[in-house]
Amino acid sequence: MSSLPVKTHTELEALAQAVRRGEQPGSPALLWRYLQMNNERAYRQPEASRRGVHYQAFETLLETICDSAVSRHWRCLCLDHIYRPLFAIQRLSKEPGQQRQVRQLYRELSTLSRYFL
């Protein structure tokens, strides 16, 4: 169950899709708006759900970075900003298993970004 109003949730989903497809590669404001709205969504969630919200944003950006059908400029912009949800996940990871997952996300990002960019 989402704590965002339906219109805002729908807007966030539309932004996620626009980011994922690289629909406006000349508009970094689109990416910034997506990350801002995602962050707002996370902090409206119970603390136990926040990591998942940030993880979704991380996955969206990682998938975009790895998609050669998306312009290189947009993929590089996503790479430049993927640290935002990743740092949020790291900050919220208190248990050893969660911390291992964060290290794995860093390794995955490092490997894939080298391969695709």
PDB file of N, CA and C in Angstrom:
ATOM      1  N   MET A   1       0.842  -1.176   0.000  1.00  0.00           N
ATOM      2  CA  MET A   1       0.000   0.000   0.000  1.00  0.00           C
ATOM      3  C   MET A   1       0.891   1.244   0.000  1.00  0.00           C
ATOM      4  N   SER A   2       0.622   2.136  -0.912  1.00  0.00           N
ATOM      5  CA  SER A   2       1.426   3.346  -1.054  1.00  0.00           C
ATOM      6  C   SER A   2       0.845   4.460  -0.199  1.00  0.00           C
ATOM      7  N   SER A   3       1.722   5.281   0.343  1.00  0.00           N
ATOM      8  CA  SER A   3       1.243   6.407   1.136  1.00  0.00           C
ATOM      9  C   SER A   3       1.176   7.682   0.312  1.00  0.00           C
ATOM     10  N   LEU A   4       1.492   7.589  -0.977  1.00  0.00           N
ATOM     11  CA  LEU A   4       1.382   8.749  -1.854  1.00  0.00           C
ATOM     12  C   LEU A   4      -0.037   8.851  -2.383  1.00  0.00           C
ATOM     13  N   PRO A   5      -0.534  10.067  -2.562  1.00  0.00           N
ATOM     14  CA  PRO A   5      -1.820  10.195  -3.231  1.00  0.00           C
ATOM     15  C   PRO A   5      -1.718   9.576  -4.622  1.00  0.00           C
ATOM     16  N   VAL A   6      -2.853   9.096  -5.143  1.00  0.00           N
ATOM     17  CA  VAL A   6      -2.860   8.391  -6.416  1.00  0.00           C
ATOM     18  C   VAL A   6      -2.215   9.219  -7.524  1.00  0.00           C
ATOM     19  N   LYS A   7      -2.547  10.497  -7.628  1.00  0.00           N
ATOM     20  CA  LYS A   7      -1.999  11.338  -8.686  1.00  0.00           C
ATOM     21  C   LYS A   7      -0.475  11.412  -8.569  1.00  0.00           C
ATOM     22  N   THR A   8       0.036  11.605  -7.365  1.00  0.00           N
ATOM     23  CA  THR A   8       1.471  11.717  -7.153  1.00  0.00           C
ATOM     24  C   THR A   8       2.152  10.379  -7.437  1.00  0.00           C
ATOM     25  N   HIS A   9       1.540   9.280  -7.005  1.00  0.00           N
ATOM     26  CA  HIS A   9       2.102   7.951  -7.268  1.00  0.00           C
ATOM     27  C   HIS A   9       2.154   7.702  -8.771  1.00  0.00           C
ATOM     28  N   THR A  10       1.093   8.058  -9.466  1.00  0.00           N
ATOM     29  CA  THR A  10       1.046   7.896 -10.916  1.00  0.00           C
ATOM     30  C   THR A  10       2.105   8.767 -11.579  1.00  0.00           C
ATOM     31  N   GLU A  11       2.286   9.980 -11.095  1.00  0.00           N
ATOM     32  CA  GLU A  11       3.309  10.866 -11.637  1.00  0.00           C
ATOM     33  C   GLU A  11       4.699  10.279 -11.425  1.00  0.00           C
ATOM     34  N   LEU A  12       4.940   9.719 -10.251  1.00  0.00           N
ATOM     35  CA  LEU A  12       6.234   9.109  -9.965  1.00  0.00           C
ATOM     36  C   LEU A  12       6.484   7.925 -10.895  1.00  0.00           C
ATOM     37  N   GLU A  13       5.481   7.099 -11.118  1.00  0.00           N
ATOM     38  CA  GLU A  13       5.629   5.963 -12.028  1.00  0.00           C
ATOM     39  C   GLU A  13       5.898   6.432 -13.448  1.00  0.00           C
ATOM     40  N   ALA A  14       5.223   7.485 -13.876  1.00  0.00           N
ATOM     41  CA  ALA A  14       5.443   8.039 -15.218  1.00  0.00           C
ATOM     42  C   ALA A  14       6.864   8.593 -15.340  1.00  0.00           C
ATOM     43  N   LEU A  15       7.317   9.262 -14.306  1.00  0.00           N
ATOM     44  CA  LEU A  15       8.697   9.772 -14.306  1.00  0.00           C
ATOM     45  C   LEU A  15       9.698   8.623 -14.359  1.00  0.00           C
ATOM     46  N   ALA A  16       9.440   7.569 -13.600  1.00  0.00           N
ATOM     47  CA  ALA A  16      10.336   6.408 -13.599  1.00  0.00           C
ATOM     48  C   ALA A  16      10.440   5.827 -15.006  1.00  0.00           C
ATOM     49  N   GLN A  17       9.324   5.711 -15.687  1.00  0.00           N
ATOM     50  CA  GLN A  17       9.334   5.179 -17.053  1.00  0.00           C
ATOM     51  C   GLN A  17      10.059   6.116 -18.020  1.00  0.00           C
ATOM     52  N   ALA A  18       9.856   7.411 -17.864  1.00  0.00           N
ATOM     53  CA  ALA A  18      10.527   8.387 -18.730  1.00  0.00           C
ATOM     54  C   ALA A  18      12.039   8.346 -18.505  1.00  0.00           C
ATOM     55  N   VAL A  19      12.450   8.202 -17.257  1.00  0.00           N
ATOM     56  CA  VAL A  19      13.878   8.078 -16.939  1.00  0.00           C
ATOM     57  C   VAL A  19      14.411   6.780 -17.533  1.00  0.00           C
ATOM     58  N   ARG A  20      13.705   5.705 -17.309  1.00  0.00           N
ATOM     59  CA  ARG A  20      14.160   4.381 -17.760  1.00  0.00           C
ATOM     60  C   ARG A  20      14.329   4.331 -19.274  1.00  0.00           C
ATOM     61  N   ARG A  21      13.431   4.967 -19.997  1.00  0.00           N
ATOM     62  CA  ARG A  21      13.495   4.941 -21.460  1.00  0.00           C
ATOM     63  C   ARG A  21      14.362   6.058 -22.032  1.00  0.00           C
ATOM     64  N   GLY A  22      14.809   6.970 -21.178  1.00  0.00           N
ATOM     65  CA  GLY A  22      15.632   8.079 -21.650  1.00  0.00           C
ATOM     66  C   GLY A  22      14.884   8.978 -22.610  1.00  0.00           C
ATOM     67  N   GLU A  23      13.632   9.253 -22.279  1.00  0.00           N
ATOM     68  CA  GLU A  23      12.757   9.993 -23.185  1.00  0.00           C
ATOM     69  C   GLU A  23      13.178  11.436 -23.424  1.00  0.00           C
ATOM     70  N   GLN A  24      13.848  12.039 -22.448  1.00  0.00           N
ATOM     71  CA  GLN A  24      14.259  13.436 -22.574  1.00  0.00           C
ATOM     72  C   GLN A  24      15.733  13.569 -22.195  1.00  0.00           C
ATOM     73  N   PRO A  25      16.630  13.060 -23.046  1.00  0.00           N
ATOM     74  CA  PRO A  25      18.048  13.049 -22.680  1.00  0.00           C
ATOM     75  C   PRO A  25      18.656  14.426 -22.483  1.00  0.00           C
ATOM     76  N   GLY A  26      18.018  15.454 -22.995  1.00  0.00           N
ATOM     77  CA  GLY A  26      18.534  16.808 -22.821  1.00  0.00           C
ATOM     78  C   GLY A  26      17.942  17.520 -21.621  1.00  0.00           C
ATOM     79  N   SER A  27      17.216  16.773 -20.772  1.00  0.00           N
ATOM     80  CA  SER A  27      16.534  17.392 -19.635  1.00  0.00           C
ATOM     81  C   SER A  27      16.928  16.726 -18.318  1.00  0.00           C
ATOM     82  N   PRO A  28      18.054  17.136 -17.746  1.00  0.00           N
ATOM     83  CA  PRO A  28      18.438  16.558 -16.453  1.00  0.00           C
ATOM     84  C   PRO A  28      17.412  16.863 -15.360  1.00  0.00           C
ATOM     85  N   ALA A  29      16.613  17.890 -15.549  1.00  0.00           N
ATOM     86  CA  ALA A  29      15.590  18.221 -14.553  1.00  0.00           C
ATOM     87  C   ALA A  29      14.602  17.065 -14.375  1.00  0.00           C
ATOM     88  N   LEU A  30      14.375  16.297 -15.438  1.00  0.00           N
ATOM     89  CA  LEU A  30      13.496  15.131 -15.345  1.00  0.00           C
ATOM     90  C   LEU A  30      14.063  14.125 -14.353  1.00  0.00           C
ATOM     91  N   LEU A  31      15.342  13.854 -14.458  1.00  0.00           N
ATOM     92  CA  LEU A  31      15.993  12.917 -13.545  1.00  0.00           C
ATOM     93  C   LEU A  31      15.981  13.454 -12.123  1.00  0.00           C
ATOM     94  N   TRP A  32      16.286  14.715 -11.954  1.00  0.00           N
ATOM     95  CA  TRP A  32      16.303  15.318 -10.616  1.00  0.00           C
ATOM     96  C   TRP A  32      14.917  15.264  -9.977  1.00  0.00           C
ATOM     97  N   ARG A  33      13.893  15.541 -10.784  1.00  0.00           N
ATOM     98  CA  ARG A  33      12.511  15.502 -10.266  1.00  0.00           C
ATOM     99  C   ARG A  33      12.159  14.079  -9.834  1.00  0.00           C
ATOM    100  N   TYR A  34      12.534  13.110 -10.650  1.00  0.00           N
ATOM    101  CA  TYR A  34      12.269  11.714 -10.306  1.00  0.00           C
ATOM    102  C   TYR A  34      12.927  11.346  -8.976  1.00  0.00           C
ATOM    103  N   LEU A  35      14.197  11.694  -8.836  1.00  0.00           N
ATOM    104  CA  LEU A  35      14.904  11.354  -7.604  1.00  0.00           C
ATOM    105  C   LEU A  35      14.328  12.090  -6.398  1.00  0.00           C
ATOM    106  N   GLN A  36      13.933  13.326  -6.595  1.00  0.00           N
ATOM    107  CA  GLN A  36      13.324  14.096  -5.508  1.00  0.00           C
ATOM    108  C   GLN A  36      11.997  13.469  -5.082  1.00  0.00           C
ATOM    109  N   MET A  37      11.157  13.152  -6.058  1.00  0.00           N
ATOM    110  CA  MET A  37       9.860  12.541  -5.722  1.00  0.00           C
ATOM    111  C   MET A  37      10.043  11.176  -5.082  1.00  0.00           C
ATOM    112  N   ASN A  38      11.016  10.409  -5.553  1.00  0.00           N
ATOM    113  CA  ASN A  38      11.267   9.098  -4.968  1.00  0.00           C
ATOM    114  C   ASN A  38      11.721   9.243  -3.517  1.00  0.00           C
ATOM    115  N   ASN A  39      12.574  10.225  -3.261  1.00  0.00           N
ATOM    116  CA  ASN A  39      13.030  10.473  -1.898  1.00  0.00           C
ATOM    117  C   ASN A  39      11.856  10.874  -0.994  1.00  0.00           C
ATOM    118  N   GLU A  40      10.991  11.734  -1.506  1.00  0.00           N
ATOM    119  CA  GLU A  40       9.806  12.134  -0.737  1.00  0.00           C
ATOM    120  C   GLU A  40       8.919  10.931  -0.449  1.00  0.00           C
ATOM    121  N   ARG A  41       8.771  10.067  -1.450  1.00  0.00           N
ATOM    122  CA  ARG A  41       7.966   8.861  -1.251  1.00  0.00           C
ATOM    123  C   ARG A  41       8.577   7.990  -0.156  1.00  0.00           C
ATOM    124  N   ALA A  42       9.893   7.827  -0.203  1.00  0.00           N
ATOM    125  CA  ALA A  42      10.563   6.980   0.787  1.00  0.00           C
ATOM    126  C   ALA A  42      10.306   7.480   2.204  1.00  0.00           C
ATOM    127  N   TYR A  43      10.385   8.776   2.393  1.00  0.00           N
ATOM    128  CA  TYR A  43      10.249   9.297   3.747  1.00  0.00           C
ATOM    129  C   TYR A  43       8.814   9.440   4.207  1.00  0.00           C
ATOM    130  N   ARG A  44       7.890   9.077   3.334  1.00  0.00           N
ATOM    131  CA  ARG A  44       6.485   8.970   3.748  1.00  0.00           C
ATOM    132  C   ARG A  44       6.153   7.538   4.139  1.00  0.00           C
ATOM    133  N   GLN A  45       7.070   6.633   3.874  1.00  0.00           N
ATOM    134  CA  GLN A  45       6.885   5.211   4.179  1.00  0.00           C
ATOM    135  C   GLN A  45       7.349   4.926   5.604  1.00  0.00           C
ATOM    136  N   PRO A  46       6.875   3.820   6.160  1.00  0.00           N
ATOM    137  CA  PRO A  46       7.443   3.382   7.436  1.00  0.00           C
ATOM    138  C   PRO A  46       8.932   3.096   7.249  1.00  0.00           C
ATOM    139  N   GLU A  47       9.692   3.259   8.285  1.00  0.00           N
ATOM    140  CA  GLU A  47      11.141   3.112   8.193  1.00  0.00           C
ATOM    141  C   GLU A  47      11.552   1.779   7.573  1.00  0.00           C
ATOM    142  N   ALA A  48      10.833   0.720   7.888  1.00  0.00           N
ATOM    143  CA  ALA A  48      11.177  -0.606   7.368  1.00  0.00           C
ATOM    144  C   ALA A  48      11.012  -0.702   5.849  1.00  0.00           C
ATOM    145  N   SER A  49      10.241   0.172   5.241  1.00  0.00           N
ATOM    146  CA  SER A  49       9.981   0.125   3.795  1.00  0.00           C
ATOM    147  C   SER A  49      10.862   1.074   2.989  1.00  0.00           C
ATOM    148  N   ARG A  50      11.569   1.949   3.629  1.00  0.00           N
ATOM    149  CA  ARG A  50      12.331   2.989   2.927  1.00  0.00           C
ATOM    150  C   ARG A  50      13.429   2.417   2.035  1.00  0.00           C
ATOM    151  N   ARG A  51      14.129   1.401   2.525  1.00  0.00           N
ATOM    152  CA  ARG A  51      15.196   0.806   1.713  1.00  0.00           C
ATOM    153  C   ARG A  51      14.653   0.308   0.385  1.00  0.00           C
ATOM    154  N   GLY A  52      13.478  -0.305   0.417  1.00  0.00           N
ATOM    155  CA  GLY A  52      12.870  -0.835  -0.802  1.00  0.00           C
ATOM    156  C   GLY A  52      12.548   0.245  -1.815  1.00  0.00           C
ATOM    157  N   VAL A  53      12.099   1.391  -1.330  1.00  0.00           N
ATOM    158  CA  VAL A  53      11.779   2.501  -2.227  1.00  0.00           C
ATOM    159  C   VAL A  53      13.058   3.007  -2.892  1.00  0.00           C
ATOM    160  N   HIS A  54      14.109   3.175  -2.118  1.00  0.00           N
ATOM    161  CA  HIS A  54      15.385   3.623  -2.680  1.00  0.00           C
ATOM    162  C   HIS A  54      15.977   2.555  -3.605  1.00  0.00           C
ATOM    163  N   TYR A  55      15.775   1.300  -3.257  1.00  0.00           N
ATOM    164  CA  TYR A  55      16.276   0.216  -4.093  1.00  0.00           C
ATOM    165  C   TYR A  55      15.605   0.246  -5.467  1.00  0.00           C
ATOM    166  N   GLN A  56      14.324   0.543  -5.510  1.00  0.00           N
ATOM    167  CA  GLN A  56      13.616   0.652  -6.796  1.00  0.00           C
ATOM    168  C   GLN A  56      14.253   1.725  -7.667  1.00  0.00           C
ATOM    169  N   ALA A  57      14.562   2.869  -7.084  1.00  0.00           N
ATOM    170  CA  ALA A  57      15.194   3.952  -7.847  1.00  0.00           C
ATOM    171  C   ALA A  57      16.578   3.522  -8.322  1.00  0.00           C
ATOM    172  N   PHE A  58      17.333   2.862  -7.458  1.00  0.00           N
ATOM    173  CA  PHE A  58      18.647   2.362  -7.841  1.00  0.00           C
ATOM    174  C   PHE A  58      18.521   1.422  -9.036  1.00  0.00           C
ATOM    175  N   GLU A  59      17.589   0.487  -8.988  1.00  0.00           N
ATOM    176  CA  GLU A  59      17.393  -0.470 -10.076  1.00  0.00           C
ATOM    177  C   GLU A  59      16.973   0.223 -11.366  1.00  0.00           C
ATOM    178  N   THR A  60      16.107   1.220 -11.264  1.00  0.00           N
ATOM    179  CA  THR A  60      15.689   1.963 -12.453  1.00  0.00           C
ATOM    180  C   THR A  60      16.890   2.619 -13.115  1.00  0.00           C
ATOM    181  N   LEU A  61      17.724   3.264 -12.324  1.00  0.00           N
ATOM    182  CA  LEU A  61      18.902   3.931 -12.876  1.00  0.00           C
ATOM    183  C   LEU A  61      19.912   2.918 -13.408  1.00  0.00           C
ATOM    184  N   LEU A  62      20.108   1.817 -12.704  1.00  0.00           N
ATOM    185  CA  LEU A  62      21.056   0.807 -13.158  1.00  0.00           C
ATOM    186  C   LEU A  62      20.589   0.189 -14.481  1.00  0.00           C
ATOM    187  N   GLU A  63      19.326  -0.118 -14.591  1.00  0.00           N
ATOM    188  CA  GLU A  63      18.793  -0.665 -15.841  1.00  0.00           C
ATOM    189  C   GLU A  63      18.975   0.329 -16.984  1.00  0.00           C
ATOM    190  N   THR A  64      18.794   1.597 -16.700  1.00  0.00           N
ATOM    191  CA  THR A  64      18.974   2.628 -17.719  1.00  0.00           C
ATOM    192  C   THR A  64      20.432   2.699 -18.158  1.00  0.00           C
ATOM    193  N   ILE A  65      21.340   2.671 -17.206  1.00  0.00           N
ATOM    194  CA  ILE A  65      22.773   2.710 -17.501  1.00  0.00           C
ATOM    195  C   ILE A  65      23.164   1.551 -18.423  1.00  0.00           C
ATOM    196  N   CYS A  66      22.551   0.414 -18.239  1.00  0.00           N
ATOM    197  CA  CYS A  66      22.899  -0.795 -18.984  1.00  0.00           C
ATOM    198  C   CYS A  66      22.158  -0.942 -20.312  1.00  0.00           C
ATOM    199  N   ASP A  67      21.302  -0.012 -20.642  1.00  0.00           N
ATOM    200  CA  ASP A  67      20.481  -0.113 -21.852  1.00  0.00           C
ATOM    201  C   ASP A  67      21.121   0.665 -22.998  1.00  0.00           C
ATOM    202  N   SER A  68      21.743  -0.047 -23.923  1.00  0.00           N
ATOM    203  CA  SER A  68      22.434   0.615 -25.034  1.00  0.00           C
ATOM    204  C   SER A  68      21.470   1.292 -26.012  1.00  0.00           C
ATOM    205  N   ALA A  69      20.178   1.041 -25.886  1.00  0.00           N
ATOM    206  CA  ALA A  69      19.194   1.730 -26.728  1.00  0.00           C
ATOM    207  C   ALA A  69      18.935   3.162 -26.237  1.00  0.00           C
ATOM    208  N   VAL A  70      19.369   3.450 -25.023  1.00  0.00           N
ATOM    209  CA  VAL A  70      19.224   4.787 -24.441  1.00  0.00           C
ATOM    210  C   VAL A  70      20.491   5.573 -24.763  1.00  0.00           C
ATOM    211  N   SER A  71      20.339   6.868 -24.998  1.00  0.00           N
ATOM    212  CA  SER A  71      21.506   7.673 -25.370  1.00  0.00           C
ATOM    213  C   SER A  71      22.599   7.598 -24.297  1.00  0.00           C
ATOM    214  N   ARG A  72      23.831   7.603 -24.762  1.00  0.00           N
ATOM    215  CA  ARG A  72      24.984   7.527 -23.852  1.00  0.00           C
ATOM    216  C   ARG A  72      24.981   8.695 -22.870  1.00  0.00           C
ATOM    217  N   HIS A  73      24.617   9.866 -23.357  1.00  0.00           N
ATOM    218  CA  HIS A  73      24.559  11.051 -22.494  1.00  0.00           C
ATOM    219  C   HIS A  73      23.624  10.808 -21.312  1.00  0.00           C
ATOM    220  N   TRP A  74      22.451  10.254 -21.575  1.00  0.00           N
ATOM    221  CA  TRP A  74      21.464  10.006 -20.512  1.00  0.00           C
ATOM    222  C   TRP A  74      21.964   8.930 -19.552  1.00  0.00           C
ATOM    223  N   ARG A  75      22.569   7.892 -20.106  1.00  0.00           N
ATOM    224  CA  ARG A  75      23.093   6.822 -19.252  1.00  0.00           C
ATOM    225  C   ARG A  75      24.194   7.354 -18.340  1.00  0.00           C
ATOM    226  N   CYS A  76      25.047   8.231 -18.864  1.00  0.00           N
ATOM    227  CA  CYS A  76      26.107   8.838 -18.035  1.00  0.00           C
ATOM    228  C   CYS A  76      25.502   9.729 -16.953  1.00  0.00           C
ATOM    229  N   LEU A  77      24.452  10.450 -17.290  1.00  0.00           N
ATOM    230  CA  LEU A  77      23.775  11.284 -16.296  1.00  0.00           C
ATOM    231  C   LEU A  77      23.192  10.412 -15.181  1.00  0.00           C
ATOM    232  N   CYS A  78      22.601   9.293 -15.562  1.00  0.00           N
ATOM    233  CA  CYS A  78      22.074   8.367 -14.549  1.00  0.00           C
ATOM    234  C   CYS A  78      23.191   7.816 -13.674  1.00  0.00           C
ATOM    235  N   LEU A  79      24.327   7.504 -14.290  1.00  0.00           N
ATOM    236  CA  LEU A  79      25.477   7.025 -13.518  1.00  0.00           C
ATOM    237  C   LEU A  79      25.954   8.098 -12.536  1.00  0.00           C
ATOM    238  N   ASP A  80      25.948   9.345 -12.972  1.00  0.00           N
ATOM    239  CA  ASP A  80      26.377  10.444 -12.103  1.00  0.00           C
ATOM    240  C   ASP A  80      25.464  10.623 -10.897  1.00  0.00           C
ATOM    241  N   HIS A  81      24.203  10.156 -10.988  1.00  0.00           N
ATOM    242  CA  HIS A  81      23.244  10.386  -9.904  1.00  0.00           C
ATOM    243  C   HIS A  81      22.796   9.117  -9.186  1.00  0.00           C
ATOM    244  N   ILE A  82      23.295   7.967  -9.606  1.00  0.00           N
ATOM    245  CA  ILE A  82      22.865   6.723  -8.975  1.00  0.00           C
ATOM    246  C   ILE A  82      23.330   6.639  -7.518  1.00  0.00           C
ATOM    247  N   TYR A  83      24.323   7.443  -7.173  1.00  0.00           N
ATOM    248  CA  TYR A  83      24.794   7.434  -5.784  1.00  0.00           C
ATOM    249  C   TYR A  83      23.710   7.893  -4.809  1.00  0.00           C
ATOM    250  N   ARG A  84      22.772   8.693  -5.257  1.00  0.00           N
ATOM    251  CA  ARG A  84      21.742   9.200  -4.336  1.00  0.00           C
ATOM    252  C   ARG A  84      20.923   8.071  -3.715  1.00  0.00           C
ATOM    253  N   PRO A  85      20.275   7.227  -4.523  1.00  0.00           N
ATOM    254  CA  PRO A  85      19.551   6.129  -3.860  1.00  0.00           C
ATOM    255  C   PRO A  85      20.495   5.124  -3.208  1.00  0.00           C
ATOM    256  N   LEU A  86      21.695   4.934  -3.781  1.00  0.00           N
ATOM    257  CA  LEU A  86      22.631   3.984  -3.194  1.00  0.00           C
ATOM    258  C   LEU A  86      23.095   4.443  -1.809  1.00  0.00           C
ATOM    259  N   PHE A  87      23.401   5.712  -1.663  1.00  0.00           N
ATOM    260  CA  PHE A  87      23.775   6.235  -0.344  1.00  0.00           C
ATOM    261  C   PHE A  87      22.614   6.146   0.647  1.00  0.00           C
ATOM    262  N   ALA A  88      21.400   6.369   0.161  1.00  0.00           N
ATOM    263  CA  ALA A  88      20.228   6.252   1.040  1.00  0.00           C
ATOM    264  C   ALA A  88      20.069   4.811   1.522  1.00  0.00           C
ATOM    265  N   ILE A  89      20.264   3.858   0.624  1.00  0.00           N
ATOM    266  CA  ILE A  89      20.190   2.442   1.012  1.00  0.00           C
ATOM    267  C   ILE A  89      21.275   2.146   2.046  1.00  0.00           C
ATOM    268  N   GLN A  90      22.467   2.633   1.794  1.00  0.00           N
ATOM    269  CA  GLN A  90      23.583   2.399   2.718  1.00  0.00           C
ATOM    270  C   GLN A  90      23.288   2.994   4.099  1.00  0.00           C
ATOM    271  N   ARG A  91      22.748   4.194   4.109  1.00  0.00           N
ATOM    272  CA  ARG A  91      22.435   4.873   5.373  1.00  0.00           C
ATOM    273  C   ARG A  91      21.385   4.105   6.182  1.00  0.00           C
ATOM    274  N   LEU A  92      20.461   3.454   5.483  1.00  0.00           N
ATOM    275  CA  LEU A  92      19.373   2.736   6.145  1.00  0.00           C
ATOM    276  C   LEU A  92      19.725   1.288   6.463  1.00  0.00           C
ATOM    277  N   SER A  93      20.887   0.835   6.045  1.00  0.00           N
ATOM    278  CA  SER A  93      21.287  -0.565   6.240  1.00  0.00           C
ATOM    279  C   SER A  93      22.028  -0.706   7.561  1.00  0.00           C
ATOM    280  N   LYS A  94      21.350  -1.257   8.515  1.00  0.00           N
ATOM    281  CA  LYS A  94      21.908  -1.372   9.866  1.00  0.00           C
ATOM    282  C   LYS A  94      22.397  -2.793  10.171  1.00  0.00           C
ATOM    283  N   GLU A  95      21.749  -3.784   9.587  1.00  0.00           N
ATOM    284  CA  GLU A  95      22.071  -5.182   9.887  1.00  0.00           C
ATOM    285  C   GLU A  95      23.171  -5.694   8.960  1.00  0.00           C
ATOM    286  N   PRO A  96      23.952  -6.676   9.421  1.00  0.00           N
ATOM    287  CA  PRO A  96      25.038  -7.210   8.597  1.00  0.00           C
ATOM    288  C   PRO A  96      24.585  -7.690   7.211  1.00  0.00           C
ATOM    289  N   GLY A  97      23.447  -8.339   7.132  1.00  0.00           N
ATOM    290  CA  GLY A  97      22.947  -8.810   5.845  1.00  0.00           C
ATOM    291  C   GLY A  97      22.633  -7.666   4.897  1.00  0.00           C
ATOM    292  N   GLN A  98      22.085  -6.614   5.444  1.00  0.00           N
ATOM    293  CA  GLN A  98      21.788  -5.433   4.636  1.00  0.00           C
ATOM    294  C   GLN A  98      23.084  -4.764   4.177  1.00  0.00           C
ATOM    295  N   GLN A  99      24.066  -4.731   5.048  1.00  0.00           N
ATOM    296  CA  GLN A  99      25.349  -4.132   4.689  1.00  0.00           C
ATOM    297  C   GLN A  99      26.061  -4.945   3.611  1.00  0.00           C
ATOM    298  N   ARG A 100      25.917  -6.272   3.663  1.00  0.00           N
ATOM    299  CA  ARG A 100      26.473  -7.121   2.598  1.00  0.00           C
ATOM    300  C   ARG A 100      25.787  -6.821   1.274  1.00  0.00           C
ATOM    301  N   GLN A 101      24.478  -6.617   1.319  1.00  0.00           N
ATOM    302  CA  GLN A 101      23.739  -6.300   0.104  1.00  0.00           C
ATOM    303  C   GLN A 101      24.242  -4.981  -0.491  1.00  0.00           C
ATOM    304  N   VAL A 102      24.506  -4.004   0.342  1.00  0.00           N
ATOM    305  CA  VAL A 102      25.022  -2.715  -0.143  1.00  0.00           C
ATOM    306  C   VAL A 102      26.371  -2.911  -0.833  1.00  0.00           C
ATOM    307  N   ARG A 103      27.255  -3.685  -0.227  1.00  0.00           N
ATOM    308  CA  ARG A 103      28.550  -3.955  -0.862  1.00  0.00           C
ATOM    309  C   ARG A 103      28.361  -4.640  -2.214  1.00  0.00           C
ATOM    310  N   GLN A 104      27.387  -5.546  -2.278  1.00  0.00           N
ATOM    311  CA  GLN A 104      27.096  -6.226  -3.541  1.00  0.00           C
ATOM    312  C   GLN A 104      26.571  -5.231  -4.580  1.00  0.00           C
ATOM    313  N   LEU A 105      25.759  -4.277  -4.162  1.00  0.00           N
ATOM    314  CA  LEU A 105      25.249  -3.261  -5.091  1.00  0.00           C
ATOM    315  C   LEU A 105      26.391  -2.413  -5.639  1.00  0.00           C
ATOM    316  N   TYR A 106      27.334  -2.059  -4.792  1.00  0.00           N
ATOM    317  CA  TYR A 106      28.509  -1.302  -5.247  1.00  0.00           C
ATOM    318  C   TYR A 106      29.304  -2.105  -6.286  1.00  0.00           C
ATOM    319  N   ARG A 107      29.512  -3.405  -6.004  1.00  0.00           N
ATOM    320  CA  ARG A 107      30.252  -4.247  -6.953  1.00  0.00           C
ATOM    321  C   ARG A 107      29.510  -4.373  -8.280  1.00  0.00           C
ATOM    322  N   GLU A 108      28.209  -4.582  -8.186  1.00  0.00           N
ATOM    323  CA  GLU A 108      27.388  -4.707  -9.391  1.00  0.00           C
ATOM    324  C   GLU A 108      27.449  -3.424 -10.215  1.00  0.00           C
ATOM    325  N   LEU A 109      27.315  -2.295  -9.562  1.00  0.00           N
ATOM    326  CA  LEU A 109      27.377  -1.001 -10.257  1.00  0.00           C
ATOM    327  C   LEU A 109      28.739  -0.825 -10.907  1.00  0.00           C
ATOM    328  N   SER A 110      29.787  -1.119 -10.194  1.00  0.00           N
ATOM    329  CA  SER A 110      31.143  -0.952 -10.730  1.00  0.00           C
ATOM    330  C   SER A 110      31.348  -1.831 -11.961  1.00  0.00           C
ATOM    331  N   THR A 111      30.959  -3.060 -11.867  1.00  0.00           N
ATOM    332  CA  THR A 111      31.149  -3.999 -12.979  1.00  0.00           C
ATOM    333  C   THR A 111      30.308  -3.595 -14.197  1.00  0.00           C
ATOM    334  N   LEU A 112      29.031  -3.366 -13.987  1.00  0.00           N
ATOM    335  CA  LEU A 112      28.143  -3.075 -15.104  1.00  0.00           C
ATOM    336  C   LEU A 112      28.437  -1.726 -15.753  1.00  0.00           C
ATOM    337  N   SER A 113      28.761  -0.735 -14.952  1.00  0.00           N
ATOM    338  CA  SER A 113      29.026   0.586 -15.542  1.00  0.00           C
ATOM    339  C   SER A 113      30.292   0.549 -16.408  1.00  0.00           C
ATOM    340  N   ARG A 114      31.275  -0.237 -16.009  1.00  0.00           N
ATOM    341  CA  ARG A 114      32.483  -0.395 -16.830  1.00  0.00           C
ATOM    342  C   ARG A 114      32.164  -1.091 -18.148  1.00  0.00           C
ATOM    343  N   TYR A 115      31.296  -2.062 -18.076  1.00  0.00           N
ATOM    344  CA  TYR A 115      30.951  -2.844 -19.261  1.00  0.00           C
ATOM    345  C   TYR A 115      30.091  -2.022 -20.241  1.00  0.00           C
ATOM    346  N   PHE A 116      29.105  -1.309 -19.728  1.00  0.00           N
ATOM    347  CA  PHE A 116      28.132  -0.624 -20.589  1.00  0.00           C
ATOM    348  C   PHE A 116      28.506   0.803 -20.934  1.00  0.00           C
ATOM    349  N   LEU A 117      29.401   1.400 -20.178  1.00  0.00           N
ATOM    350  CA  LEU A 117      29.795   2.780 -20.497  1.00  0.00           C
ATOM    351  C   LEU A 117      31.250   2.794 -20.754  1.00  0.00           C
TER     352      LEU A 117
END
